Amino acid sequence: MRVLIIEDEEALASAIARGLRQQGMAVDLAFDGLSGLEKASVNDYDVVILDRNLPEMHGDEVCRRLSASGASVRILMLTAARGLRDRVAGLDLGADDYLGKPFAFDELVARLRALARRAGPAHPPTLHRSDIELDPATRHAHRGDRELELTNKEFGVLEVLLAADGGVVSAEELLEKVWDENTDPFSNVVRVTMMTLRRKLGEPPLIDTLPGAGYRLW
């Protein structure tokens, strides 16, 4: 899952990002509304965490423009305004969910995962293919009766491949969904991660490489 946090309290934004990355999410940051809107316009995010009271461009206007763009990204309003009128106003602008500050981090993670499931085609809570089983919520993956000890990136790659349900996933798509904006697009991180993931999955091999197209999980 790839998340954009648009929040002008830099310490809070960095703390949220750190926690979400520990949950295996790819996270980008923007500290004002205008730069946040620009990032959301050029990158494929599953969810945007959006503060309302932002410099340069108010969060309400960012929300309005993202909603009007027709993008599939989901918007979670995160703000200190907790009244019913504020919640209704945010939802009327096109936000998909609303969470007041202060908040429980576990609740934020649960809401993000729920929104991400709505951002694309519906998938079951637990993903299966061949003898692979992966649960995004508990961060556990198994092959047969063997638990897989995966890094966050390996887990993310396997989740995307399982969600594709036998379809081909390009290296570019994996970069967009599993890594953040600080990753060099010309690096070999996808190939290296795929190599270690294959080794951990063991025999018989389940991931095919289709030259010039991408990867497929049988």
N, C-alpha and C. Protein backbone atom coordinates (compact mmCIF):
# COMPACT_ATOMS: atom_id res chain seq x y z
N MET A 1 0.84 -1.19 0.00
CA MET A 1 0.00 0.00 0.00
C MET A 1 0.88 1.25 0.00
N ARG A 2 0.51 2.23 -0.83
CA ARG A 2 1.26 3.48 -0.87
C ARG A 2 0.40 4.62 -0.35
N VAL A 3 0.95 5.39 0.58
CA VAL A 3 0.20 6.42 1.30
C VAL A 3 0.92 7.75 1.16
N LEU A 4 0.14 8.82 0.99
CA LEU A 4 0.67 10.18 1.03
C LEU A 4 0.11 10.87 2.26
N ILE A 5 0.99 11.43 3.10
CA ILE A 5 0.58 12.21 4.26
C ILE A 5 0.77 13.68 3.94
N ILE A 6 -0.32 14.45 3.98
CA ILE A 6 -0.25 15.91 3.78
C ILE A 6 -0.58 16.54 5.13
N GLU A 7 0.43 16.98 5.82
CA GLU A 7 0.31 17.44 7.21
C GLU A 7 1.41 18.46 7.48
N ASP A 8 1.05 19.66 7.97
CA ASP A 8 2.05 20.69 8.16
C ASP A 8 2.79 20.58 9.49
N GLU A 9 2.30 19.77 10.43
CA GLU A 9 3.05 19.51 11.66
C GLU A 9 4.09 18.43 11.33
N GLU A 10 5.30 18.86 11.04
CA GLU A 10 6.30 17.95 10.50
C GLU A 10 6.64 16.81 11.46
N ALA A 11 6.70 17.10 12.75
CA ALA A 11 7.01 16.05 13.72
C ALA A 11 5.92 14.99 13.72
N LEU A 12 4.67 15.41 13.68
CA LEU A 12 3.56 14.46 13.66
C LEU A 12 3.57 13.65 12.37
N ALA A 13 3.76 14.35 11.24
CA ALA A 13 3.78 13.65 9.95
C ALA A 13 4.89 12.61 9.91
N SER A 14 6.06 12.97 10.41
CA SER A 14 7.20 12.04 10.40
C SER A 14 6.95 10.86 11.31
N ALA A 15 6.30 11.10 12.45
CA ALA A 15 6.00 10.01 13.37
C ALA A 15 4.99 9.03 12.76
N ILE A 16 3.96 9.58 12.11
CA ILE A 16 2.98 8.72 11.45
C ILE A 16 3.66 7.91 10.34
N ALA A 17 4.49 8.58 9.55
CA ALA A 17 5.18 7.89 8.46
C ALA A 17 6.06 6.77 8.98
N ARG A 18 6.76 7.03 10.06
CA ARG A 18 7.64 6.01 10.63
C ARG A 18 6.83 4.79 11.06
N GLY A 19 5.70 5.02 11.72
CA GLY A 19 4.86 3.91 12.15
C GLY A 19 4.27 3.13 10.99
N LEU A 20 3.83 3.84 9.96
CA LEU A 20 3.23 3.17 8.80
C LEU A 20 4.27 2.37 8.03
N ARG A 21 5.49 2.88 7.95
CA ARG A 21 6.55 2.12 7.27
C ARG A 21 6.86 0.84 8.03
N GLN A 22 6.76 0.88 9.35
CA GLN A 22 6.96 -0.34 10.14
C GLN A 22 5.85 -1.35 9.87
N GLN A 23 4.71 -0.86 9.39
CA GLN A 23 3.61 -1.73 8.99
C GLN A 23 3.73 -2.20 7.54
N GLY A 24 4.83 -1.85 6.91
CA GLY A 24 5.09 -2.30 5.55
C GLY A 24 4.54 -1.41 4.46
N MET A 25 4.07 -0.22 4.81
CA MET A 25 3.51 0.68 3.80
C MET A 25 4.61 1.58 3.23
N ALA A 26 4.43 1.97 1.97
CA ALA A 26 5.30 2.96 1.34
C ALA A 26 4.67 4.33 1.58
N VAL A 27 5.44 5.28 2.14
CA VAL A 27 4.87 6.54 2.60
C VAL A 27 5.66 7.72 2.05
N ASP A 28 4.94 8.69 1.47
CA ASP A 28 5.52 9.97 1.06
C ASP A 28 4.93 11.07 1.92
N LEU A 29 5.66 12.18 2.03
CA LEU A 29 5.25 13.29 2.88
C LEU A 29 5.15 14.59 2.10
N ALA A 30 4.19 15.42 2.48
CA ALA A 30 4.08 16.78 1.98
C ALA A 30 3.65 17.64 3.16
N PHE A 31 4.25 18.84 3.28
CA PHE A 31 4.00 19.67 4.45
C PHE A 31 3.14 20.90 4.15
N ASP A 32 2.60 20.98 2.96
CA ASP A 32 1.63 22.03 2.65
C ASP A 32 0.67 21.51 1.58
N GLY A 33 -0.46 22.18 1.44
CA GLY A 33 -1.50 21.68 0.55
C GLY A 33 -1.11 21.67 -0.91
N LEU A 34 -0.40 22.67 -1.35
CA LEU A 34 -0.05 22.77 -2.77
C LEU A 34 0.90 21.66 -3.19
N SER A 35 1.96 21.45 -2.41
CA SER A 35 2.91 20.39 -2.78
C SER A 35 2.25 19.02 -2.63
N GLY A 36 1.34 18.89 -1.66
CA GLY A 36 0.62 17.63 -1.51
C GLY A 36 -0.24 17.32 -2.72
N LEU A 37 -0.94 18.33 -3.22
CA LEU A 37 -1.78 18.14 -4.40
C LEU A 37 -0.92 17.77 -5.61
N GLU A 38 0.24 18.40 -5.75
CA GLU A 38 1.14 18.08 -6.86
C GLU A 38 1.61 16.63 -6.79
N LYS A 39 1.98 16.17 -5.59
CA LYS A 39 2.43 14.77 -5.46
C LYS A 39 1.29 13.81 -5.76
N ALA A 40 0.10 14.13 -5.28
CA ALA A 40 -1.04 13.25 -5.52
C ALA A 40 -1.43 13.21 -6.99
N SER A 41 -1.06 14.25 -7.73
CA SER A 41 -1.40 14.31 -9.15
C SER A 41 -0.46 13.49 -10.02
N VAL A 42 0.75 13.22 -9.53
CA VAL A 42 1.73 12.53 -10.37
C VAL A 42 2.07 11.13 -9.88
N ASN A 43 1.64 10.78 -8.67
CA ASN A 43 1.92 9.45 -8.13
C ASN A 43 0.63 8.69 -7.88
N ASP A 44 0.72 7.38 -7.91
CA ASP A 44 -0.45 6.52 -7.75
C ASP A 44 -0.55 6.07 -6.30
N TYR A 45 -1.30 6.82 -5.49
CA TYR A 45 -1.47 6.49 -4.08
C TYR A 45 -2.76 5.72 -3.86
N ASP A 46 -2.72 4.85 -2.86
CA ASP A 46 -3.94 4.16 -2.45
C ASP A 46 -4.77 5.05 -1.53
N VAL A 47 -4.10 5.73 -0.59
CA VAL A 47 -4.79 6.58 0.37
C VAL A 47 -3.98 7.85 0.61
N VAL A 48 -4.68 8.97 0.75
CA VAL A 48 -4.08 10.24 1.17
C VAL A 48 -4.60 10.57 2.56
N ILE A 49 -3.68 10.79 3.51
CA ILE A 49 -4.03 11.30 4.83
C ILE A 49 -3.92 12.82 4.75
N LEU A 50 -5.01 13.52 4.95
CA LEU A 50 -5.07 14.94 4.64
C LEU A 50 -5.51 15.75 5.85
N ASP A 51 -4.66 16.67 6.30
CA ASP A 51 -5.03 17.63 7.33
C ASP A 51 -5.86 18.74 6.68
N ARG A 52 -6.74 19.37 7.45
CA ARG A 52 -7.58 20.43 6.87
C ARG A 52 -6.87 21.78 6.88
N ASN A 53 -6.27 22.14 7.99
CA ASN A 53 -5.68 23.48 8.11
C ASN A 53 -4.23 23.47 7.64
N LEU A 54 -4.07 23.62 6.32
CA LEU A 54 -2.75 23.55 5.70
C LEU A 54 -2.34 24.90 5.12
N PRO A 55 -1.04 25.20 5.10
CA PRO A 55 -0.56 26.39 4.41
C PRO A 55 -0.57 26.20 2.89
N GLU A 56 -0.45 27.28 2.16
CA GLU A 56 -0.37 27.32 0.69
C GLU A 56 -1.72 26.99 0.03
N MET A 57 -2.35 25.91 0.43
CA MET A 57 -3.68 25.55 -0.06
C MET A 57 -4.40 24.81 1.05
N HIS A 58 -5.59 25.27 1.40
CA HIS A 58 -6.35 24.65 2.48
C HIS A 58 -6.67 23.19 2.14
N GLY A 59 -6.70 22.35 3.17
CA GLY A 59 -7.00 20.95 2.96
C GLY A 59 -8.34 20.71 2.30
N ASP A 60 -9.34 21.58 2.58
CA ASP A 60 -10.64 21.43 1.94
C ASP A 60 -10.52 21.55 0.42
N GLU A 61 -9.70 22.50 -0.04
CA GLU A 61 -9.54 22.68 -1.48
C GLU A 61 -8.76 21.53 -2.09
N VAL A 62 -7.77 21.02 -1.37
CA VAL A 62 -7.03 19.84 -1.84
C VAL A 62 -8.00 18.67 -2.01
N CYS A 63 -8.84 18.46 -1.00
CA CYS A 63 -9.81 17.37 -1.05
C CYS A 63 -10.77 17.55 -2.22
N ARG A 64 -11.25 18.77 -2.40
CA ARG A 64 -12.19 19.04 -3.49
C ARG A 64 -11.56 18.73 -4.85
N ARG A 65 -10.32 19.14 -5.04
CA ARG A 65 -9.67 18.93 -6.33
C ARG A 65 -9.34 17.45 -6.57
N LEU A 66 -8.91 16.76 -5.53
CA LEU A 66 -8.63 15.33 -5.69
C LEU A 66 -9.90 14.57 -6.04
N SER A 67 -10.99 14.92 -5.39
CA SER A 67 -12.26 14.24 -5.66
C SER A 67 -12.74 14.54 -7.08
N ALA A 68 -12.57 15.79 -7.52
CA ALA A 68 -13.02 16.18 -8.85
C ALA A 68 -12.17 15.57 -9.95
N SER A 69 -10.94 15.15 -9.61
CA SER A 69 -10.04 14.61 -10.64
C SER A 69 -10.47 13.23 -11.13
N GLY A 70 -11.32 12.56 -10.36
CA GLY A 70 -11.76 11.22 -10.76
C GLY A 70 -10.78 10.12 -10.40
N ALA A 71 -9.70 10.45 -9.69
CA ALA A 71 -8.72 9.45 -9.30
C ALA A 71 -9.33 8.47 -8.30
N SER A 72 -8.80 7.25 -8.28
CA SER A 72 -9.33 6.21 -7.38
C SER A 72 -8.80 6.33 -5.96
N VAL A 73 -7.90 7.29 -5.71
CA VAL A 73 -7.30 7.42 -4.39
C VAL A 73 -8.37 7.72 -3.35
N ARG A 74 -8.21 7.14 -2.15
CA ARG A 74 -9.12 7.39 -1.04
C ARG A 74 -8.52 8.44 -0.12
N ILE A 75 -9.39 9.25 0.49
CA ILE A 75 -8.95 10.38 1.30
C ILE A 75 -9.41 10.20 2.74
N LEU A 76 -8.46 10.24 3.66
CA LEU A 76 -8.75 10.21 5.09
C LEU A 76 -8.43 11.58 5.68
N MET A 77 -9.45 12.30 6.10
CA MET A 77 -9.26 13.59 6.75
C MET A 77 -8.77 13.36 8.17
N LEU A 78 -7.67 14.01 8.53
CA LEU A 78 -7.07 13.88 9.85
C LEU A 78 -6.92 15.29 10.41
N THR A 79 -7.74 15.64 11.42
CA THR A 79 -7.75 17.02 11.87
C THR A 79 -8.18 17.13 13.32
N ALA A 80 -7.85 18.26 13.93
CA ALA A 80 -8.21 18.50 15.33
C ALA A 80 -9.67 18.87 15.49
N ALA A 81 -10.36 19.24 14.42
CA ALA A 81 -11.78 19.59 14.49
C ALA A 81 -12.60 18.32 14.61
N ARG A 82 -13.31 18.17 15.75
CA ARG A 82 -13.96 16.89 16.04
C ARG A 82 -15.49 16.96 16.01
N GLY A 83 -16.06 18.16 15.79
CA GLY A 83 -17.50 18.29 15.83
C GLY A 83 -18.18 17.63 14.66
N LEU A 84 -19.48 17.31 14.84
CA LEU A 84 -20.25 16.67 13.78
C LEU A 84 -20.27 17.53 12.53
N ARG A 85 -20.42 18.83 12.69
CA ARG A 85 -20.47 19.72 11.52
C ARG A 85 -19.18 19.64 10.72
N ASP A 86 -18.03 19.57 11.41
CA ASP A 86 -16.74 19.47 10.72
C ASP A 86 -16.62 18.13 9.97
N ARG A 87 -17.08 17.05 10.61
CA ARG A 87 -17.00 15.75 9.96
C ARG A 87 -17.88 15.72 8.70
N VAL A 88 -19.08 16.27 8.82
CA VAL A 88 -19.98 16.29 7.67
C VAL A 88 -19.40 17.14 6.55
N ALA A 89 -18.80 18.28 6.91
CA ALA A 89 -18.22 19.16 5.90
C ALA A 89 -17.10 18.46 5.14
N GLY A 90 -16.25 17.73 5.88
CA GLY A 90 -15.16 17.01 5.22
C GLY A 90 -15.67 15.93 4.29
N LEU A 91 -16.67 15.19 4.72
CA LEU A 91 -17.23 14.12 3.88
C LEU A 91 -17.93 14.70 2.66
N ASP A 92 -18.58 15.84 2.83
CA ASP A 92 -19.26 16.48 1.70
C ASP A 92 -18.26 16.94 0.64
N LEU A 93 -17.04 17.24 1.04
CA LEU A 93 -16.02 17.67 0.09
C LEU A 93 -15.47 16.51 -0.73
N GLY A 94 -15.76 15.29 -0.30
CA GLY A 94 -15.27 14.13 -1.03
C GLY A 94 -14.37 13.22 -0.24
N ALA A 95 -14.14 13.53 1.05
CA ALA A 95 -13.33 12.65 1.88
C ALA A 95 -14.07 11.33 2.07
N ASP A 96 -13.31 10.24 2.20
CA ASP A 96 -13.90 8.91 2.38
C ASP A 96 -14.01 8.53 3.85
N ASP A 97 -13.22 9.16 4.70
CA ASP A 97 -13.26 8.87 6.12
C ASP A 97 -12.71 10.07 6.87
N TYR A 98 -12.92 10.07 8.19
CA TYR A 98 -12.58 11.23 9.00
C TYR A 98 -12.09 10.73 10.34
N LEU A 99 -10.92 11.20 10.79
CA LEU A 99 -10.36 10.78 12.07
C LEU A 99 -9.84 12.01 12.79
N GLY A 100 -10.33 12.23 14.01
CA GLY A 100 -9.94 13.41 14.77
C GLY A 100 -8.66 13.20 15.55
N LYS A 101 -7.93 14.28 15.75
CA LYS A 101 -6.73 14.26 16.60
C LYS A 101 -7.16 14.58 18.04
N PRO A 102 -6.55 13.94 19.04
CA PRO A 102 -5.59 12.83 18.95
C PRO A 102 -6.29 11.53 18.56
N PHE A 103 -5.54 10.57 18.08
CA PHE A 103 -6.11 9.33 17.61
C PHE A 103 -5.23 8.17 18.04
N ALA A 104 -5.81 6.99 18.05
CA ALA A 104 -5.05 5.76 18.32
C ALA A 104 -4.41 5.29 17.03
N PHE A 105 -3.11 5.02 17.07
CA PHE A 105 -2.41 4.64 15.84
C PHE A 105 -3.00 3.37 15.24
N ASP A 106 -3.37 2.40 16.07
CA ASP A 106 -3.94 1.15 15.55
C ASP A 106 -5.24 1.42 14.79
N GLU A 107 -6.02 2.40 15.25
CA GLU A 107 -7.25 2.74 14.54
C GLU A 107 -6.92 3.37 13.19
N LEU A 108 -5.90 4.23 13.15
CA LEU A 108 -5.48 4.83 11.89
C LEU A 108 -5.09 3.75 10.89
N VAL A 109 -4.29 2.78 11.32
CA VAL A 109 -3.85 1.69 10.43
C VAL A 109 -5.05 0.91 9.92
N ALA A 110 -5.99 0.58 10.81
CA ALA A 110 -7.16 -0.19 10.41
C ALA A 110 -7.99 0.58 9.38
N ARG A 111 -8.16 1.87 9.59
CA ARG A 111 -8.93 2.68 8.64
C ARG A 111 -8.22 2.78 7.29
N LEU A 112 -6.90 2.91 7.32
CA LEU A 112 -6.13 2.98 6.07
C LEU A 112 -6.29 1.68 5.27
N ARG A 113 -6.19 0.55 5.95
CA ARG A 113 -6.31 -0.74 5.25
C ARG A 113 -7.72 -0.90 4.67
N ALA A 114 -8.73 -0.46 5.42
CA ALA A 114 -10.10 -0.54 4.92
C ALA A 114 -10.28 0.35 3.69
N LEU A 115 -9.73 1.55 3.73
CA LEU A 115 -9.84 2.46 2.59
C LEU A 115 -9.08 1.93 1.38
N ALA A 116 -7.90 1.34 1.61
CA ALA A 116 -7.10 0.81 0.50
C ALA A 116 -7.84 -0.31 -0.21
N ARG A 117 -8.57 -1.11 0.55
CA ARG A 117 -9.34 -2.19 -0.09
C ARG A 117 -10.42 -1.62 -1.00
N ARG A 118 -10.90 -0.42 -0.69
CA ARG A 118 -11.93 0.20 -1.51
C ARG A 118 -11.36 0.97 -2.69
N ALA A 119 -10.03 1.17 -2.70
CA ALA A 119 -9.41 1.98 -3.75
C ALA A 119 -9.29 1.24 -5.07
N GLY A 120 -9.34 -0.09 -5.03
CA GLY A 120 -9.19 -0.88 -6.25
C GLY A 120 -10.20 -2.00 -6.26
N PRO A 121 -10.00 -2.99 -7.13
CA PRO A 121 -10.91 -4.14 -7.16
C PRO A 121 -10.96 -4.83 -5.80
N ALA A 122 -12.13 -5.32 -5.44
CA ALA A 122 -12.30 -5.95 -4.14
C ALA A 122 -11.46 -7.23 -4.04
N HIS A 123 -10.78 -7.38 -2.91
CA HIS A 123 -10.01 -8.58 -2.63
C HIS A 123 -10.43 -9.12 -1.27
N PRO A 124 -10.38 -10.44 -1.08
CA PRO A 124 -10.70 -10.99 0.23
C PRO A 124 -9.67 -10.54 1.26
N PRO A 125 -10.05 -10.53 2.56
CA PRO A 125 -9.11 -10.09 3.60
C PRO A 125 -7.82 -10.90 3.60
N THR A 126 -7.92 -12.21 3.31
CA THR A 126 -6.74 -13.06 3.22
C THR A 126 -6.55 -13.49 1.77
N LEU A 127 -5.34 -13.33 1.25
CA LEU A 127 -5.05 -13.64 -0.15
C LEU A 127 -4.48 -15.05 -0.27
N HIS A 128 -4.95 -15.80 -1.28
CA HIS A 128 -4.49 -17.17 -1.50
C HIS A 128 -4.14 -17.36 -2.97
N ARG A 129 -3.13 -18.14 -3.22
CA ARG A 129 -2.84 -18.64 -4.56
C ARG A 129 -1.86 -19.80 -4.41
N SER A 130 -2.11 -20.89 -5.18
CA SER A 130 -1.33 -22.11 -5.01
C SER A 130 -1.36 -22.50 -3.53
N ASP A 131 -0.21 -22.70 -2.90
CA ASP A 131 -0.20 -23.01 -1.47
C ASP A 131 0.28 -21.83 -0.64
N ILE A 132 0.16 -20.61 -1.22
CA ILE A 132 0.55 -19.40 -0.51
C ILE A 132 -0.69 -18.77 0.14
N GLU A 133 -0.55 -18.34 1.37
CA GLU A 133 -1.60 -17.60 2.07
C GLU A 133 -0.98 -16.38 2.73
N LEU A 134 -1.61 -15.22 2.55
CA LEU A 134 -1.07 -13.97 3.09
C LEU A 134 -2.21 -13.17 3.71
N ASP A 135 -2.00 -12.70 4.93
CA ASP A 135 -2.97 -11.88 5.64
C ASP A 135 -2.38 -10.49 5.84
N PRO A 136 -2.84 -9.48 5.07
CA PRO A 136 -2.27 -8.14 5.20
C PRO A 136 -2.47 -7.53 6.58
N ALA A 137 -3.59 -7.85 7.25
CA ALA A 137 -3.89 -7.24 8.54
C ALA A 137 -2.94 -7.71 9.63
N THR A 138 -2.64 -9.00 9.67
CA THR A 138 -1.77 -9.54 10.71
C THR A 138 -0.30 -9.58 10.29
N ARG A 139 -0.05 -9.29 9.00
CA ARG A 139 1.32 -9.29 8.46
C ARG A 139 1.94 -10.68 8.54
N HIS A 140 1.14 -11.72 8.31
CA HIS A 140 1.65 -13.09 8.29
C HIS A 140 1.46 -13.69 6.89
N ALA A 141 2.44 -14.47 6.47
CA ALA A 141 2.36 -15.18 5.20
C ALA A 141 2.87 -16.60 5.39
N HIS A 142 2.22 -17.55 4.71
CA HIS A 142 2.60 -18.96 4.83
C HIS A 142 2.70 -19.59 3.44
N ARG A 143 3.58 -20.56 3.32
CA ARG A 143 3.54 -21.47 2.18
C ARG A 143 3.32 -22.86 2.75
N GLY A 144 2.15 -23.42 2.48
CA GLY A 144 1.78 -24.66 3.13
C GLY A 144 1.69 -24.43 4.63
N ASP A 145 2.37 -25.27 5.41
CA ASP A 145 2.35 -25.10 6.86
C ASP A 145 3.59 -24.37 7.36
N ARG A 146 4.35 -23.76 6.44
CA ARG A 146 5.58 -23.06 6.81
C ARG A 146 5.36 -21.55 6.79
N GLU A 147 5.62 -20.90 7.92
CA GLU A 147 5.51 -19.44 7.96
C GLU A 147 6.71 -18.82 7.25
N LEU A 148 6.44 -17.80 6.44
CA LEU A 148 7.49 -17.13 5.68
C LEU A 148 8.01 -15.93 6.46
N GLU A 149 9.30 -15.86 6.65
CA GLU A 149 9.93 -14.74 7.34
C GLU A 149 10.34 -13.71 6.29
N LEU A 150 9.49 -12.72 6.06
CA LEU A 150 9.70 -11.78 4.97
C LEU A 150 9.99 -10.37 5.50
N THR A 151 10.82 -9.64 4.78
CA THR A 151 10.98 -8.22 5.07
C THR A 151 9.72 -7.48 4.62
N ASN A 152 9.59 -6.22 5.02
CA ASN A 152 8.43 -5.44 4.61
C ASN A 152 8.29 -5.35 3.10
N LYS A 153 9.40 -5.17 2.41
CA LYS A 153 9.34 -5.04 0.95
C LYS A 153 9.00 -6.38 0.29
N GLU A 154 9.57 -7.46 0.79
CA GLU A 154 9.22 -8.78 0.25
C GLU A 154 7.74 -9.08 0.47
N PHE A 155 7.24 -8.73 1.66
CA PHE A 155 5.83 -8.93 1.96
C PHE A 155 4.97 -8.10 1.00
N GLY A 156 5.37 -6.84 0.77
CA GLY A 156 4.61 -5.97 -0.12
C GLY A 156 4.58 -6.48 -1.55
N VAL A 157 5.71 -6.97 -2.03
CA VAL A 157 5.77 -7.52 -3.40
C VAL A 157 4.88 -8.75 -3.51
N LEU A 158 4.96 -9.63 -2.52
CA LEU A 158 4.13 -10.84 -2.55
C LEU A 158 2.65 -10.48 -2.50
N GLU A 159 2.29 -9.48 -1.70
CA GLU A 159 0.89 -9.05 -1.62
C GLU A 159 0.38 -8.53 -2.96
N VAL A 160 1.19 -7.73 -3.66
CA VAL A 160 0.78 -7.21 -4.97
C VAL A 160 0.63 -8.34 -5.98
N LEU A 161 1.56 -9.29 -5.97
CA LEU A 161 1.48 -10.42 -6.90
C LEU A 161 0.25 -11.28 -6.62
N LEU A 162 -0.06 -11.52 -5.35
CA LEU A 162 -1.24 -12.29 -5.01
C LEU A 162 -2.52 -11.56 -5.41
N ALA A 163 -2.55 -10.25 -5.19
CA ALA A 163 -3.74 -9.46 -5.54
C ALA A 163 -3.98 -9.46 -7.04
N ALA A 164 -2.92 -9.62 -7.83
CA ALA A 164 -3.06 -9.65 -9.29
C ALA A 164 -3.73 -10.93 -9.77
N ASP A 165 -3.79 -11.95 -8.90
CA ASP A 165 -4.51 -13.20 -9.18
C ASP A 165 -4.08 -13.85 -10.50
N GLY A 166 -2.77 -13.98 -10.67
CA GLY A 166 -2.24 -14.61 -11.87
C GLY A 166 -1.92 -13.66 -13.00
N GLY A 167 -2.26 -12.39 -12.84
CA GLY A 167 -1.94 -11.40 -13.86
C GLY A 167 -0.49 -10.97 -13.77
N VAL A 168 -0.01 -10.36 -14.83
CA VAL A 168 1.38 -9.89 -14.89
C VAL A 168 1.48 -8.53 -14.21
N VAL A 169 2.46 -8.37 -13.36
CA VAL A 169 2.71 -7.11 -12.65
C VAL A 169 4.07 -6.58 -13.10
N SER A 170 4.10 -5.37 -13.60
CA SER A 170 5.36 -4.80 -14.10
C SER A 170 6.23 -4.33 -12.94
N ALA A 171 7.52 -4.18 -13.21
CA ALA A 171 8.44 -3.66 -12.21
C ALA A 171 8.06 -2.23 -11.83
N GLU A 172 7.56 -1.45 -12.80
CA GLU A 172 7.14 -0.09 -12.54
C GLU A 172 5.97 -0.06 -11.55
N GLU A 173 5.03 -0.97 -11.73
CA GLU A 173 3.88 -1.03 -10.81
C GLU A 173 4.32 -1.42 -9.41
N LEU A 174 5.26 -2.34 -9.32
CA LEU A 174 5.78 -2.73 -8.00
C LEU A 174 6.47 -1.55 -7.32
N LEU A 175 7.24 -0.78 -8.09
CA LEU A 175 7.89 0.40 -7.53
C LEU A 175 6.85 1.38 -7.00
N GLU A 176 5.77 1.58 -7.74
CA GLU A 176 4.74 2.53 -7.34
C GLU A 176 4.01 2.10 -6.09
N LYS A 177 3.78 0.80 -5.94
CA LYS A 177 2.95 0.31 -4.85
C LYS A 177 3.72 -0.05 -3.59
N VAL A 178 4.98 -0.42 -3.72
CA VAL A 178 5.72 -0.96 -2.58
C VAL A 178 6.81 -0.01 -2.08
N TRP A 179 7.35 0.82 -2.96
CA TRP A 179 8.42 1.74 -2.57
C TRP A 179 7.90 3.18 -2.58
N ASP A 180 8.64 4.10 -1.96
CA ASP A 180 8.21 5.49 -1.92
C ASP A 180 8.99 6.34 -2.90
N GLU A 181 8.75 7.66 -2.87
CA GLU A 181 9.31 8.56 -3.87
C GLU A 181 10.83 8.71 -3.77
N ASN A 182 11.41 8.30 -2.65
CA ASN A 182 12.85 8.43 -2.47
C ASN A 182 13.64 7.31 -3.14
N THR A 183 12.94 6.35 -3.71
CA THR A 183 13.61 5.23 -4.37
C THR A 183 14.01 5.60 -5.79
N ASP A 184 15.24 5.35 -6.13
CA ASP A 184 15.73 5.61 -7.48
C ASP A 184 15.04 4.66 -8.46
N PRO A 185 14.27 5.20 -9.42
CA PRO A 185 13.55 4.32 -10.36
C PRO A 185 14.48 3.50 -11.25
N PHE A 186 15.76 3.88 -11.31
CA PHE A 186 16.71 3.15 -12.14
C PHE A 186 17.53 2.15 -11.33
N SER A 187 17.18 1.99 -10.05
CA SER A 187 17.90 1.03 -9.22
C SER A 187 17.41 -0.39 -9.50
N ASN A 188 18.08 -1.35 -8.89
CA ASN A 188 17.71 -2.76 -9.10
C ASN A 188 16.98 -3.33 -7.90
N VAL A 189 16.30 -2.46 -7.13
CA VAL A 189 15.68 -2.92 -5.89
C VAL A 189 14.59 -3.96 -6.15
N VAL A 190 13.82 -3.80 -7.23
CA VAL A 190 12.77 -4.77 -7.51
C VAL A 190 13.38 -6.13 -7.82
N ARG A 191 14.39 -6.14 -8.67
CA ARG A 191 15.02 -7.41 -9.06
C ARG A 191 15.65 -8.10 -7.85
N VAL A 192 16.34 -7.33 -6.99
CA VAL A 192 16.98 -7.92 -5.81
C VAL A 192 15.94 -8.45 -4.84
N THR A 193 14.86 -7.68 -4.61
CA THR A 193 13.80 -8.13 -3.71
C THR A 193 13.13 -9.37 -4.26
N MET A 194 12.90 -9.41 -5.56
CA MET A 194 12.29 -10.58 -6.17
C MET A 194 13.18 -11.82 -6.00
N MET A 195 14.47 -11.62 -6.10
CA MET A 195 15.42 -12.73 -5.95
C MET A 195 15.36 -13.30 -4.53
N THR A 196 15.36 -12.43 -3.53
CA THR A 196 15.31 -12.92 -2.15
C THR A 196 13.94 -13.52 -1.83
N LEU A 197 12.87 -12.95 -2.39
CA LEU A 197 11.53 -13.50 -2.17
C LEU A 197 11.43 -14.90 -2.75
N ARG A 198 11.94 -15.09 -3.95
CA ARG A 198 11.92 -16.43 -4.56
C ARG A 198 12.65 -17.45 -3.69
N ARG A 199 13.78 -17.03 -3.16
CA ARG A 199 14.56 -17.94 -2.33
C ARG A 199 13.78 -18.34 -1.07
N LYS A 200 13.09 -17.37 -0.47
CA LYS A 200 12.34 -17.66 0.75
C LYS A 200 11.08 -18.49 0.48
N LEU A 201 10.49 -18.32 -0.69
CA LEU A 201 9.32 -19.13 -1.04
C LEU A 201 9.70 -20.59 -1.23
N GLY A 202 10.91 -20.84 -1.70
CA GLY A 202 11.39 -22.20 -1.83
C GLY A 202 10.89 -22.89 -3.09
N GLU A 203 11.01 -24.21 -3.10
CA GLU A 203 10.67 -25.05 -4.25
C GLU A 203 9.29 -25.70 -4.08
N PRO A 204 8.60 -25.99 -5.18
CA PRO A 204 8.92 -25.57 -6.55
C PRO A 204 8.71 -24.08 -6.73
N PRO A 205 9.41 -23.45 -7.69
CA PRO A 205 9.30 -22.00 -7.89
C PRO A 205 7.89 -21.61 -8.35
N LEU A 206 7.44 -20.45 -7.87
CA LEU A 206 6.08 -20.00 -8.19
C LEU A 206 6.05 -18.69 -8.97
N ILE A 207 7.15 -17.95 -9.00
CA ILE A 207 7.17 -16.63 -9.65
C ILE A 207 7.88 -16.72 -10.98
N ASP A 208 7.18 -16.35 -12.02
CA ASP A 208 7.76 -16.30 -13.37
C ASP A 208 8.19 -14.88 -13.69
N THR A 209 9.28 -14.76 -14.44
CA THR A 209 9.69 -13.48 -15.01
C THR A 209 9.35 -13.48 -16.49
N LEU A 210 8.60 -12.49 -16.92
CA LEU A 210 8.26 -12.34 -18.33
C LEU A 210 9.06 -11.17 -18.87
N PRO A 211 10.13 -11.44 -19.64
CA PRO A 211 11.01 -10.36 -20.10
C PRO A 211 10.23 -9.25 -20.79
N GLY A 212 10.51 -8.03 -20.35
CA GLY A 212 9.86 -6.86 -20.94
C GLY A 212 8.46 -6.61 -20.44
N ALA A 213 7.92 -7.51 -19.62
CA ALA A 213 6.54 -7.35 -19.14
C ALA A 213 6.47 -7.25 -17.63
N GLY A 214 7.11 -8.18 -16.91
CA GLY A 214 7.06 -8.12 -15.47
C GLY A 214 7.10 -9.49 -14.84
N TYR A 215 6.29 -9.68 -13.80
CA TYR A 215 6.34 -10.90 -12.99
C TYR A 215 4.92 -11.44 -12.81
N ARG A 216 4.84 -12.77 -12.63
CA ARG A 216 3.55 -13.41 -12.43
C ARG A 216 3.72 -14.53 -11.41
N LEU A 217 2.74 -14.61 -10.50
CA LEU A 217 2.72 -15.67 -9.49
C LEU A 217 1.75 -16.74 -9.92
N TRP A 218 2.24 -17.98 -10.05
CA TRP A 218 1.37 -19.07 -10.50
C TRP A 218 0.46 -19.50 -9.36
